[in-house]
Amino acid sequence: MITVDLSNLYQYEETLSNPENNMADRVDSLFCIKAFNDIEAIDSLIRAFNKEEHSQLLKHEICYLLG
């Protein structure tokens, strides 16, 4: 079970956007961002999508959350 710290959206965005982090941590951060009920979370997902260059699957998951 993942506990989401709703005080720091940018921490999750940084983890998601950093290709040096392992994929499990990146995906966990992706779904933590989903917990934020804020327009800034949508912007965060869009920024992460635009930065992603390596994983088409991760881009697909970001689109899934945006949909």
N, C-alpha and C. Protein backbone atom coordinates (compact mmCIF):
# COMPACT_ATOMS: atom_id res chain seq x y z
N MET A 1 0.84 -1.18 0.00
CA MET A 1 0.00 0.00 0.00
C MET A 1 0.89 1.25 0.00
N ILE A 2 0.53 2.18 -0.83
CA ILE A 2 1.29 3.41 -0.96
C ILE A 2 0.59 4.53 -0.18
N THR A 3 1.36 5.27 0.60
CA THR A 3 0.84 6.44 1.29
C THR A 3 1.25 7.67 0.50
N VAL A 4 0.28 8.51 0.18
CA VAL A 4 0.53 9.68 -0.64
C VAL A 4 0.67 10.91 0.24
N ASP A 5 1.78 11.62 0.08
CA ASP A 5 2.01 12.89 0.78
C ASP A 5 1.42 14.00 -0.09
N LEU A 6 0.27 14.50 0.27
CA LEU A 6 -0.42 15.49 -0.53
C LEU A 6 0.16 16.90 -0.40
N SER A 7 1.28 17.02 0.27
CA SER A 7 1.87 18.35 0.43
C SER A 7 2.94 18.66 -0.62
N ASN A 8 3.33 17.66 -1.42
CA ASN A 8 4.44 17.91 -2.34
C ASN A 8 4.26 17.20 -3.67
N LEU A 9 3.46 17.76 -4.52
CA LEU A 9 3.22 17.23 -5.87
C LEU A 9 4.51 17.17 -6.67
N TYR A 10 5.34 18.18 -6.54
CA TYR A 10 6.55 18.28 -7.37
C TYR A 10 7.56 17.18 -7.07
N GLN A 11 7.55 16.65 -5.86
CA GLN A 11 8.42 15.52 -5.53
C GLN A 11 8.04 14.33 -6.40
N TYR A 12 6.75 14.07 -6.54
CA TYR A 12 6.30 12.95 -7.37
C TYR A 12 6.59 13.21 -8.85
N GLU A 13 6.40 14.44 -9.29
CA GLU A 13 6.70 14.77 -10.68
C GLU A 13 8.18 14.56 -10.97
N GLU A 14 9.04 14.97 -10.06
CA GLU A 14 10.48 14.80 -10.26
C GLU A 14 10.85 13.32 -10.36
N THR A 15 10.28 12.49 -9.50
CA THR A 15 10.55 11.06 -9.55
C THR A 15 10.05 10.46 -10.85
N LEU A 16 8.86 10.84 -11.26
CA LEU A 16 8.27 10.34 -12.50
C LEU A 16 9.08 10.75 -13.72
N SER A 17 9.59 11.95 -13.74
CA SER A 17 10.27 12.50 -14.91
C SER A 17 11.74 12.11 -15.03
N ASN A 18 12.30 11.55 -13.99
CA ASN A 18 13.73 11.23 -14.00
C ASN A 18 13.95 9.81 -14.52
N PRO A 19 14.51 9.67 -15.72
CA PRO A 19 14.72 8.34 -16.29
C PRO A 19 15.76 7.50 -15.55
N GLU A 20 16.52 8.12 -14.65
CA GLU A 20 17.50 7.37 -13.87
C GLU A 20 16.86 6.62 -12.70
N ASN A 21 15.64 7.00 -12.33
CA ASN A 21 14.93 6.27 -11.28
C ASN A 21 14.42 4.95 -11.85
N ASN A 22 14.27 3.95 -10.97
CA ASN A 22 13.77 2.68 -11.49
C ASN A 22 12.28 2.83 -11.85
N MET A 23 11.84 1.99 -12.76
CA MET A 23 10.49 2.11 -13.31
C MET A 23 9.41 1.93 -12.25
N ALA A 24 9.63 1.06 -11.29
CA ALA A 24 8.62 0.85 -10.24
C ALA A 24 8.37 2.14 -9.45
N ASP A 25 9.43 2.86 -9.12
CA ASP A 25 9.27 4.13 -8.39
C ASP A 25 8.59 5.17 -9.27
N ARG A 26 8.91 5.17 -10.54
CA ARG A 26 8.30 6.13 -11.45
C ARG A 26 6.80 5.87 -11.59
N VAL A 27 6.42 4.61 -11.71
CA VAL A 27 5.00 4.27 -11.83
C VAL A 27 4.27 4.56 -10.52
N ASP A 28 4.90 4.27 -9.38
CA ASP A 28 4.29 4.62 -8.09
C ASP A 28 4.02 6.12 -8.02
N SER A 29 4.99 6.92 -8.46
CA SER A 29 4.81 8.37 -8.44
C SER A 29 3.69 8.81 -9.37
N LEU A 30 3.58 8.14 -10.49
CA LEU A 30 2.50 8.44 -11.44
C LEU A 30 1.14 8.30 -10.77
N PHE A 31 0.94 7.20 -10.07
CA PHE A 31 -0.36 6.98 -9.44
C PHE A 31 -0.53 7.80 -8.17
N CYS A 32 0.56 8.25 -7.56
CA CYS A 32 0.44 9.20 -6.44
C CYS A 32 -0.06 10.55 -6.95
N ILE A 33 0.43 10.96 -8.12
CA ILE A 33 -0.02 12.22 -8.70
C ILE A 33 -1.52 12.18 -8.95
N LYS A 34 -2.03 11.01 -9.29
CA LYS A 34 -3.47 10.85 -9.53
C LYS A 34 -4.29 11.22 -8.29
N ALA A 35 -3.72 11.05 -7.11
CA ALA A 35 -4.44 11.33 -5.86
C ALA A 35 -4.67 12.81 -5.63
N PHE A 36 -3.93 13.67 -6.32
CA PHE A 36 -4.08 15.11 -6.14
C PHE A 36 -5.32 15.58 -6.90
N ASN A 37 -6.17 16.30 -6.26
CA ASN A 37 -7.38 16.81 -6.88
C ASN A 37 -7.16 18.29 -7.21
N ASP A 38 -6.30 18.51 -8.20
CA ASP A 38 -5.86 19.86 -8.50
C ASP A 38 -5.47 19.95 -9.97
N ILE A 39 -5.71 21.08 -10.58
CA ILE A 39 -5.33 21.29 -11.98
C ILE A 39 -3.82 21.18 -12.14
N GLU A 40 -3.08 21.50 -11.09
CA GLU A 40 -1.62 21.40 -11.16
C GLU A 40 -1.17 19.96 -11.37
N ALA A 41 -1.93 18.99 -10.89
CA ALA A 41 -1.60 17.58 -11.12
C ALA A 41 -1.69 17.24 -12.61
N ILE A 42 -2.68 17.80 -13.28
CA ILE A 42 -2.81 17.59 -14.73
C ILE A 42 -1.62 18.19 -15.45
N ASP A 43 -1.25 19.39 -15.07
CA ASP A 43 -0.07 20.03 -15.67
C ASP A 43 1.18 19.21 -15.41
N SER A 44 1.29 18.65 -14.23
CA SER A 44 2.44 17.82 -13.88
C SER A 44 2.52 16.59 -14.78
N LEU A 45 1.39 15.95 -15.02
CA LEU A 45 1.37 14.78 -15.90
C LEU A 45 1.72 15.16 -17.34
N ILE A 46 1.25 16.28 -17.78
CA ILE A 46 1.56 16.74 -19.15
C ILE A 46 3.05 17.02 -19.28
N ARG A 47 3.64 17.66 -18.28
CA ARG A 47 5.08 17.92 -18.33
C ARG A 47 5.87 16.61 -18.35
N ALA A 48 5.45 15.65 -17.52
CA ALA A 48 6.14 14.36 -17.48
C ALA A 48 6.01 13.64 -18.82
N PHE A 49 4.83 13.71 -19.43
CA PHE A 49 4.63 13.10 -20.74
C PHE A 49 5.58 13.70 -21.77
N ASN A 50 5.69 15.01 -21.77
CA ASN A 50 6.55 15.68 -22.75
C ASN A 50 8.03 15.40 -22.54
N LYS A 51 8.44 15.13 -21.31
CA LYS A 51 9.84 14.85 -21.02
C LYS A 51 10.22 13.39 -21.31
N GLU A 52 9.23 12.51 -21.29
CA GLU A 52 9.52 11.07 -21.42
C GLU A 52 10.00 10.74 -22.83
N GLU A 53 11.21 10.17 -22.91
CA GLU A 53 11.79 9.82 -24.21
C GLU A 53 12.04 8.32 -24.37
N HIS A 54 11.96 7.55 -23.28
CA HIS A 54 12.40 6.16 -23.34
C HIS A 54 11.27 5.13 -23.28
N SER A 55 10.23 5.39 -22.56
CA SER A 55 9.22 4.36 -22.32
C SER A 55 7.86 4.73 -22.91
N GLN A 56 7.52 4.04 -23.97
CA GLN A 56 6.20 4.25 -24.56
C GLN A 56 5.11 3.75 -23.62
N LEU A 57 5.41 2.71 -22.85
CA LEU A 57 4.43 2.19 -21.90
C LEU A 57 4.13 3.22 -20.81
N LEU A 58 5.16 3.90 -20.32
CA LEU A 58 4.94 4.93 -19.31
C LEU A 58 4.13 6.09 -19.90
N LYS A 59 4.41 6.45 -21.13
CA LYS A 59 3.63 7.50 -21.79
C LYS A 59 2.17 7.07 -21.92
N HIS A 60 1.96 5.79 -22.23
CA HIS A 60 0.60 5.26 -22.31
C HIS A 60 -0.11 5.37 -20.96
N GLU A 61 0.58 5.04 -19.88
CA GLU A 61 -0.02 5.12 -18.54
C GLU A 61 -0.34 6.56 -18.15
N ILE A 62 0.52 7.49 -18.54
CA ILE A 62 0.24 8.90 -18.28
C ILE A 62 -1.02 9.32 -19.02
N CYS A 63 -1.14 8.91 -20.27
CA CYS A 63 -2.35 9.23 -21.06
C CYS A 63 -3.59 8.61 -20.42
N TYR A 64 -3.45 7.39 -19.91
CA TYR A 64 -4.56 6.73 -19.24
C TYR A 64 -5.07 7.58 -18.07
N LEU A 65 -4.15 8.11 -17.29
CA LEU A 65 -4.56 8.94 -16.15
C LEU A 65 -5.13 10.28 -16.59
N LEU A 66 -4.64 10.79 -17.69
CA LEU A 66 -5.18 12.06 -18.19
C LEU A 66 -6.58 11.89 -18.78
N GLY A 67 -6.86 10.67 -19.25
CA GLY A 67 -8.17 10.40 -19.89
C GLY A 67 -9.22 10.33 -18.88
